[in-house]
Amino acid sequence: MAYGVQLFDANGNELTGRFIPAFVAAFISSPASGTRVFPVIEGKTLVAEPQRLSSPLNPDLPGATATVTGNNTVTWSGASTDQPVIILYK
């Protein structure tokens, strides 16, 4: 038998997962490109989320990109103060 809490909205959508905390590991705006290894945290997945802060509607401005490989290595390019990359443990 398992114990826990489940929350559902009026449409039956499960909400408990929305309350699981995410932790910011890094906020990268410089250098513009690079690679960094983050420690493994049991039960958490490392996620890189590029942002577009100052010009989200300008299609001519290329956005930052970031990837996470299986050994928690994050590689990014195009990062700046206007387009930072946020690294999270979820």
Protein backbone atom coordinates (compact mmCIF):
# COMPACT_ATOMS: atom_id res chain seq x y z
CA MET A 1 0.00 0.00 0.00
CA ALA A 2 1.27 3.49 -0.83
CA TYR A 3 0.51 6.72 0.95
CA GLY A 4 0.47 10.18 -0.52
CA VAL A 5 -1.67 13.00 -1.82
CA GLN A 6 -3.34 13.46 -5.15
CA LEU A 7 -4.96 16.73 -6.19
CA PHE A 8 -7.25 17.13 -9.19
CA ASP A 9 -8.90 20.19 -10.71
CA ALA A 10 -12.56 20.32 -11.77
CA ASN A 11 -11.66 18.74 -15.14
CA GLY A 12 -9.84 15.78 -13.58
CA ASN A 13 -6.32 17.05 -14.35
CA GLU A 14 -3.75 15.87 -11.80
CA LEU A 15 -2.10 18.83 -10.03
CA THR A 16 0.32 17.30 -7.52
CA GLY A 17 3.23 17.37 -9.98
CA ARG A 18 2.91 21.13 -10.23
CA PHE A 19 3.91 21.47 -6.59
CA ILE A 20 7.13 19.49 -6.89
CA PRO A 21 9.86 22.09 -6.44
CA ALA A 22 12.39 23.06 -9.07
CA PHE A 23 15.77 24.44 -8.04
CA VAL A 24 17.78 26.98 -10.04
CA ALA A 25 21.33 25.70 -10.44
CA ALA A 26 22.67 28.49 -12.67
CA PHE A 27 21.68 31.62 -14.55
CA ILE A 28 24.02 31.92 -17.55
CA SER A 29 24.34 35.19 -19.47
CA SER A 30 28.08 35.04 -20.11
CA PRO A 31 30.16 33.67 -21.60
CA ALA A 32 27.98 33.57 -24.70
CA SER A 33 28.84 29.93 -25.31
CA GLY A 34 30.37 27.18 -23.26
CA THR A 35 30.09 23.87 -21.49
CA ARG A 36 29.67 23.11 -17.79
CA VAL A 37 29.19 19.89 -15.81
CA PHE A 38 26.65 19.88 -12.97
CA PRO A 39 26.48 17.32 -10.16
CA VAL A 40 23.90 14.55 -10.24
CA ILE A 41 21.15 15.01 -7.66
CA GLU A 42 19.18 11.86 -6.93
CA GLY A 43 15.54 12.17 -7.93
CA LYS A 44 16.06 15.33 -9.99
CA THR A 45 16.54 15.89 -13.71
CA LEU A 46 18.78 18.66 -15.02
CA VAL A 47 17.01 20.95 -17.51
CA ALA A 48 18.36 23.90 -19.53
CA GLU A 49 15.80 26.55 -20.48
CA PRO A 50 16.90 29.37 -22.83
CA GLN A 51 14.94 32.60 -22.30
CA ARG A 52 14.09 35.58 -24.53
CA LEU A 53 13.68 38.54 -22.20
CA SER A 54 13.99 41.76 -24.20
CA SER A 55 12.80 40.84 -27.69
CA PRO A 56 10.61 37.72 -27.61
CA LEU A 57 8.71 38.78 -30.72
CA ASN A 58 11.72 39.59 -32.91
CA PRO A 59 12.11 36.59 -35.25
CA ASP A 60 15.27 38.08 -36.80
CA LEU A 61 17.18 37.81 -33.52
CA PRO A 62 18.44 34.25 -33.06
CA GLY A 63 17.70 32.85 -29.63
CA ALA A 64 20.05 31.17 -27.21
CA THR A 65 20.24 27.39 -27.36
CA ALA A 66 21.21 24.83 -24.73
CA THR A 67 21.36 21.06 -24.42
CA VAL A 68 21.90 18.65 -21.54
CA THR A 69 23.66 15.34 -22.15
CA GLY A 70 23.25 12.21 -20.06
CA ASN A 71 26.23 12.95 -17.80
CA ASN A 72 24.75 16.34 -16.72
CA THR A 73 26.91 18.32 -19.12
CA VAL A 74 25.21 21.51 -20.31
CA THR A 75 26.34 23.06 -23.58
CA TRP A 76 24.98 26.46 -24.60
CA SER A 77 25.43 29.17 -27.22
CA GLY A 78 23.95 32.60 -27.85
CA ALA A 79 23.55 33.46 -24.16
CA SER A 80 23.43 37.14 -23.20
CA THR A 81 21.78 39.40 -20.65
CA ASP A 82 18.78 39.58 -23.01
CA GLN A 83 18.77 35.84 -23.66
CA PRO A 84 20.05 33.98 -20.60
CA VAL A 85 19.99 30.24 -20.10
CA ILE A 86 18.47 29.06 -16.82
CA ILE A 87 19.66 25.69 -15.55
CA LEU A 88 17.17 23.90 -13.29
CA TYR A 89 16.89 20.69 -11.33
CA LYS A 90 13.29 19.48 -11.64
